[in-house]
């Protein structure tokens, strides 16, 4: 059964979307900064909605 929802993003997807190196995203995650990620076993995935929410919060704080 296919769902009509966007798929979760990998760290590569997120890096490409934000234009930020993967290593920076890994460092941010270790510091508790950046968009909320979901750990799935050894993988971390990002919801596009959570990323957009984080960006909106960043814009509002400027």
PDB file of N, CA and C in Angstrom:
ATOM      1  N   UNK A   1       0.843  -1.177   0.000  1.00  0.00           N
ATOM      2  CA  UNK A   1       0.000   0.000   0.000  1.00  0.00           C
ATOM      3  C   UNK A   1       0.893   1.247   0.000  1.00  0.00           C
ATOM      4  N   UNK A   2       0.669   2.138  -0.913  1.00  0.00           N
ATOM      5  CA  UNK A   2       1.430   3.373  -0.983  1.00  0.00           C
ATOM      6  C   UNK A   2       0.709   4.468  -0.211  1.00  0.00           C
ATOM      7  N   UNK A   3       1.481   5.288   0.475  1.00  0.00           N
ATOM      8  CA  UNK A   3       0.923   6.404   1.218  1.00  0.00           C
ATOM      9  C   UNK A   3       1.184   7.683   0.443  1.00  0.00           C
ATOM     10  N   UNK A   4       0.283   8.610   0.532  1.00  0.00           N
ATOM     11  CA  UNK A   4       0.410   9.867  -0.192  1.00  0.00           C
ATOM     12  C   UNK A   4       1.081  10.915   0.698  1.00  0.00           C
ATOM     13  N   UNK A   5       2.188  10.565   1.298  1.00  0.00           N
ATOM     14  CA  UNK A   5       2.945  11.480   2.145  1.00  0.00           C
ATOM     15  C   UNK A   5       4.369  11.543   1.600  1.00  0.00           C
ATOM     16  N   UNK A   6       5.041  12.673   1.876  1.00  0.00           N
ATOM     17  CA  UNK A   6       6.434  12.774   1.470  1.00  0.00           C
ATOM     18  C   UNK A   6       7.255  11.783   2.287  1.00  0.00           C
ATOM     19  N   UNK A   7       8.299  11.294   1.663  1.00  0.00           N
ATOM     20  CA  UNK A   7       9.179  10.384   2.387  1.00  0.00           C
ATOM     21  C   UNK A   7      10.059  11.172   3.332  1.00  0.00           C
ATOM     22  N   UNK A   8      10.601  10.504   4.320  1.00  0.00           N
ATOM     23  CA  UNK A   8      11.530  11.135   5.241  1.00  0.00           C
ATOM     24  C   UNK A   8      12.857  11.370   4.536  1.00  0.00           C
ATOM     25  N   UNK A   9      13.574  12.410   4.960  1.00  0.00           N
ATOM     26  CA  UNK A   9      14.845  12.764   4.331  1.00  0.00           C
ATOM     27  C   UNK A   9      16.018  12.125   5.042  1.00  0.00           C
ATOM     28  N   UNK A  10      17.017  11.785   4.264  1.00  0.00           N
ATOM     29  CA  UNK A  10      18.291  11.329   4.811  1.00  0.00           C
ATOM     30  C   UNK A  10      19.138  12.556   5.130  1.00  0.00           C
ATOM     31  N   UNK A  11      20.273  12.333   5.753  1.00  0.00           N
ATOM     32  CA  UNK A  11      21.191  13.434   6.034  1.00  0.00           C
ATOM     33  C   UNK A  11      21.671  14.066   4.724  1.00  0.00           C
ATOM     34  N   UNK A  12      21.827  13.254   3.684  1.00  0.00           N
ATOM     35  CA  UNK A  12      22.227  13.787   2.376  1.00  0.00           C
ATOM     36  C   UNK A  12      21.147  14.683   1.789  1.00  0.00           C
ATOM     37  N   UNK A  13      19.894  14.254   1.916  1.00  0.00           N
ATOM     38  CA  UNK A  13      18.777  15.069   1.430  1.00  0.00           C
ATOM     39  C   UNK A  13      18.749  16.410   2.153  1.00  0.00           C
ATOM     40  N   UNK A  14      18.908  16.363   3.468  1.00  0.00           N
ATOM     41  CA  UNK A  14      18.863  17.578   4.275  1.00  0.00           C
ATOM     42  C   UNK A  14      20.027  18.508   3.930  1.00  0.00           C
ATOM     43  N   UNK A  15      21.215  17.948   3.782  1.00  0.00           N
ATOM     44  CA  UNK A  15      22.389  18.753   3.432  1.00  0.00           C
ATOM     45  C   UNK A  15      22.184  19.443   2.094  1.00  0.00           C
ATOM     46  N   UNK A  16      21.645  18.730   1.135  1.00  0.00           N
ATOM     47  CA  UNK A  16      21.402  19.315  -0.186  1.00  0.00           C
ATOM     48  C   UNK A  16      20.335  20.409  -0.100  1.00  0.00           C
ATOM     49  N   UNK A  17      19.275  20.156   0.629  1.00  0.00           N
ATOM     50  CA  UNK A  17      18.178  21.115   0.758  1.00  0.00           C
ATOM     51  C   UNK A  17      18.652  22.418   1.411  1.00  0.00           C
ATOM     52  N   UNK A  18      19.443  22.287   2.482  1.00  0.00           N
ATOM     53  CA  UNK A  18      19.906  23.461   3.214  1.00  0.00           C
ATOM     54  C   UNK A  18      21.174  24.078   2.623  1.00  0.00           C
ATOM     55  N   UNK A  19      21.874  23.306   1.781  1.00  0.00           N
ATOM     56  CA  UNK A  19      23.137  23.797   1.235  1.00  0.00           C
ATOM     57  C   UNK A  19      24.222  23.855   2.300  1.00  0.00           C
ATOM     58  N   UNK A  20      24.193  22.899   3.204  1.00  0.00           N
ATOM     59  CA  UNK A  20      25.122  22.835   4.331  1.00  0.00           C
ATOM     60  C   UNK A  20      25.827  21.477   4.288  1.00  0.00           C
ATOM     61  N   UNK A  21      27.133  21.454   4.562  1.00  0.00           N
ATOM     62  CA  UNK A  21      27.851  20.165   4.555  1.00  0.00           C
ATOM     63  C   UNK A  21      27.280  19.178   5.578  1.00  0.00           C
ATOM     64  N   UNK A  22      27.342  17.919   5.222  1.00  0.00           N
ATOM     65  CA  UNK A  22      26.862  16.861   6.124  1.00  0.00           C
ATOM     66  C   UNK A  22      27.559  16.916   7.475  1.00  0.00           C
ATOM     67  N   UNK A  23      28.867  17.157   7.469  1.00  0.00           N
ATOM     68  CA  UNK A  23      29.610  17.181   8.739  1.00  0.00           C
ATOM     69  C   UNK A  23      29.089  18.272   9.664  1.00  0.00           C
ATOM     70  N   UNK A  24      28.666  19.389   9.104  1.00  0.00           N
ATOM     71  CA  UNK A  24      28.074  20.446   9.919  1.00  0.00           C
ATOM     72  C   UNK A  24      26.772  19.957  10.535  1.00  0.00           C
ATOM     73  N   UNK A  25      25.962  19.264   9.759  1.00  0.00           N
ATOM     74  CA  UNK A  25      24.699  18.732  10.276  1.00  0.00           C
ATOM     75  C   UNK A  25      24.943  17.704  11.378  1.00  0.00           C
ATOM     76  N   UNK A  26      25.963  16.858  11.199  1.00  0.00           N
ATOM     77  CA  UNK A  26      26.307  15.888  12.248  1.00  0.00           C
ATOM     78  C   UNK A  26      26.734  16.614  13.524  1.00  0.00           C
ATOM     79  N   UNK A  27      27.545  17.661  13.386  1.00  0.00           N
ATOM     80  CA  UNK A  27      28.008  18.437  14.542  1.00  0.00           C
ATOM     81  C   UNK A  27      26.827  19.118  15.222  1.00  0.00           C
ATOM     82  N   UNK A  28      25.932  19.704  14.437  1.00  0.00           N
ATOM     83  CA  UNK A  28      24.746  20.344  15.004  1.00  0.00           C
ATOM     84  C   UNK A  28      23.933  19.341  15.808  1.00  0.00           C
ATOM     85  N   UNK A  29      23.734  18.164  15.227  1.00  0.00           N
ATOM     86  CA  UNK A  29      22.928  17.144  15.910  1.00  0.00           C
ATOM     87  C   UNK A  29      23.570  16.764  17.238  1.00  0.00           C
ATOM     88  N   UNK A  30      24.889  16.623  17.263  1.00  0.00           N
ATOM     89  CA  UNK A  30      25.595  16.278  18.498  1.00  0.00           C
ATOM     90  C   UNK A  30      25.441  17.376  19.547  1.00  0.00           C
ATOM     91  N   UNK A  31      25.280  18.620  19.100  1.00  0.00           N
ATOM     92  CA  UNK A  31      25.126  19.767  19.999  1.00  0.00           C
ATOM     93  C   UNK A  31      23.663  20.035  20.355  1.00  0.00           C
ATOM     94  N   UNK A  32      22.741  19.263  19.775  1.00  0.00           N
ATOM     95  CA  UNK A  32      21.321  19.470  20.032  1.00  0.00           C
ATOM     96  C   UNK A  32      20.739  20.637  19.261  1.00  0.00           C
ATOM     97  N   UNK A  33      21.382  21.016  18.173  1.00  0.00           N
ATOM     98  CA  UNK A  33      20.951  22.141  17.353  1.00  0.00           C
ATOM     99  C   UNK A  33      20.454  21.601  16.014  1.00  0.00           C
ATOM    100  N   UNK A  34      19.686  22.399  15.317  1.00  0.00           N
ATOM    101  CA  UNK A  34      19.219  22.014  13.987  1.00  0.00           C
ATOM    102  C   UNK A  34      17.848  21.379  14.021  1.00  0.00           C
ATOM    103  N   UNK A  35      17.363  20.964  12.854  1.00  0.00           N
ATOM    104  CA  UNK A  35      16.031  20.364  12.782  1.00  0.00           C
ATOM    105  C   UNK A  35      15.974  19.042  13.550  1.00  0.00           C
ATOM    106  N   UNK A  36      14.808  18.757  14.059  1.00  0.00           N
ATOM    107  CA  UNK A  36      14.597  17.525  14.814  1.00  0.00           C
ATOM    108  C   UNK A  36      14.710  16.323  13.885  1.00  0.00           C
ATOM    109  N   UNK A  37      15.530  15.369  14.275  1.00  0.00           N
ATOM    110  CA  UNK A  37      15.672  14.132  13.517  1.00  0.00           C
ATOM    111  C   UNK A  37      15.079  12.975  14.298  1.00  0.00           C
ATOM    112  N   UNK A  38      14.727  11.929  13.583  1.00  0.00           N
ATOM    113  CA  UNK A  38      14.164  10.731  14.196  1.00  0.00           C
ATOM    114  C   UNK A  38      15.133   9.584  13.979  1.00  0.00           C
ATOM    115  N   UNK A  39      15.586   8.979  15.074  1.00  0.00           N
ATOM    116  CA  UNK A  39      16.493   7.838  14.956  1.00  0.00           C
ATOM    117  C   UNK A  39      15.684   6.588  14.660  1.00  0.00           C
ATOM    118  N   UNK A  40      16.128   5.879  13.620  1.00  0.00           N
ATOM    119  CA  UNK A  40      15.495   4.615  13.221  1.00  0.00           C
ATOM    120  C   UNK A  40      16.608   3.582  13.124  1.00  0.00           C
ATOM    121  N   UNK A  41      16.887   2.913  14.239  1.00  0.00           N
ATOM    122  CA  UNK A  41      18.023   2.012  14.279  1.00  0.00           C
ATOM    123  C   UNK A  41      19.302   2.824  14.190  1.00  0.00           C
ATOM    124  N   UNK A  42      20.144   2.507  13.221  1.00  0.00           N
ATOM    125  CA  UNK A  42      21.396   3.246  13.061  1.00  0.00           C
ATOM    126  C   UNK A  42      21.240   4.466  12.160  1.00  0.00           C
ATOM    127  N   UNK A  43      20.042   4.709  11.671  1.00  0.00           N
ATOM    128  CA  UNK A  43      19.794   5.813  10.746  1.00  0.00           C
ATOM    129  C   UNK A  43      19.058   6.960  11.433  1.00  0.00           C
ATOM    130  N   UNK A  44      19.278   8.158  10.911  1.00  0.00           N
ATOM    131  CA  UNK A  44      18.513   9.325  11.342  1.00  0.00           C
ATOM    132  C   UNK A  44      17.773   9.841  10.118  1.00  0.00           C
ATOM    133  N   UNK A  45      16.503  10.113  10.293  1.00  0.00           N
ATOM    134  CA  UNK A  45      15.690  10.634   9.202  1.00  0.00           C
ATOM    135  C   UNK A  45      15.033  11.924   9.662  1.00  0.00           C
ATOM    136  N   UNK A  46      14.727  12.775   8.683  1.00  0.00           N
ATOM    137  CA  UNK A  46      14.165  14.088   8.956  1.00  0.00           C
ATOM    138  C   UNK A  46      12.849  14.240   8.208  1.00  0.00           C
ATOM    139  N   UNK A  47      11.851  14.734   8.915  1.00  0.00           N
ATOM    140  CA  UNK A  47      10.566  15.032   8.294  1.00  0.00           C
ATOM    141  C   UNK A  47      10.681  16.393   7.613  1.00  0.00           C
ATOM    142  N   UNK A  48      10.303  16.499   6.342  1.00  0.00           N
ATOM    143  CA  UNK A  48      10.330  17.808   5.677  1.00  0.00           C
ATOM    144  C   UNK A  48       9.528  18.867   6.440  1.00  0.00           C
ATOM    145  N   UNK A  49       8.437  18.447   7.080  1.00  0.00           N
ATOM    146  CA  UNK A  49       7.629  19.388   7.854  1.00  0.00           C
ATOM    147  C   UNK A  49       8.404  19.919   9.065  1.00  0.00           C
ATOM    148  N   UNK A  50       9.156  19.041   9.742  1.00  0.00           N
ATOM    149  CA  UNK A  50       9.968  19.468  10.881  1.00  0.00           C
ATOM    150  C   UNK A  50      11.082  20.413  10.444  1.00  0.00           C
ATOM    151  N   UNK A  51      11.653  20.146   9.286  1.00  0.00           N
ATOM    152  CA  UNK A  51      12.710  21.015   8.756  1.00  0.00           C
ATOM    153  C   UNK A  51      12.133  22.395   8.459  1.00  0.00           C
ATOM    154  N   UNK A  52      10.979  22.436   7.818  1.00  0.00           N
ATOM    155  CA  UNK A  52      10.342  23.725   7.510  1.00  0.00           C
ATOM    156  C   UNK A  52       9.958  24.482   8.778  1.00  0.00           C
ATOM    157  N   UNK A  53       9.493  23.766   9.795  1.00  0.00           N
ATOM    158  CA  UNK A  53       9.162  24.391  11.071  1.00  0.00           C
ATOM    159  C   UNK A  53      10.416  24.991  11.710  1.00  0.00           C
ATOM    160  N   UNK A  54      11.513  24.255  11.704  1.00  0.00           N
ATOM    161  CA  UNK A  54      12.770  24.749  12.252  1.00  0.00           C
ATOM    162  C   UNK A  54      13.230  25.998  11.498  1.00  0.00           C
ATOM    163  N   UNK A  55      13.121  25.986  10.180  1.00  0.00           N
ATOM    164  CA  UNK A  55      13.504  27.163   9.387  1.00  0.00           C
ATOM    165  C   UNK A  55      12.630  28.370   9.734  1.00  0.00           C
ATOM    166  N   UNK A  56      11.342  28.141   9.896  1.00  0.00           N
ATOM    167  CA  UNK A  56      10.427  29.238  10.256  1.00  0.00           C
ATOM    168  C   UNK A  56      10.796  29.811  11.618  1.00  0.00           C
ATOM    169  N   UNK A  57      11.168  28.961  12.557  1.00  0.00           N
ATOM    170  CA  UNK A  57      11.585  29.420  13.885  1.00  0.00           C
ATOM    171  C   UNK A  57      12.873  30.224  13.792  1.00  0.00           C
ATOM    172  N   UNK A  58      13.785  29.785  12.929  1.00  0.00           N
ATOM    173  CA  UNK A  58      15.046  30.511  12.726  1.00  0.00           C
ATOM    174  C   UNK A  58      14.768  31.916  12.167  1.00  0.00           C
ATOM    175  N   UNK A  59      13.882  31.991  11.203  1.00  0.00           N
ATOM    176  CA  UNK A  59      13.540  33.283  10.589  1.00  0.00           C
ATOM    177  C   UNK A  59      12.872  34.211  11.587  1.00  0.00           C
ATOM    178  N   UNK A  60      12.007  33.649  12.444  1.00  0.00           N
ATOM    179  CA  UNK A  60      11.274  34.452  13.418  1.00  0.00           C
ATOM    180  C   UNK A  60      12.187  35.006  14.509  1.00  0.00           C
ATOM    181  N   UNK A  61      13.310  34.342  14.750  1.00  0.00           N
ATOM    182  CA  UNK A  61      14.204  34.785  15.832  1.00  0.00           C
ATOM    183  C   UNK A  61      15.219  35.816  15.370  1.00  0.00           C
ATOM    184  N   UNK A  62      15.213  36.154  14.086  1.00  0.00           N
ATOM    185  CA  UNK A  62      16.178  37.128  13.564  1.00  0.00           C
ATOM    186  C   UNK A  62      15.651  38.536  13.730  1.00  0.00           C
TER     187      UNK A  62
END
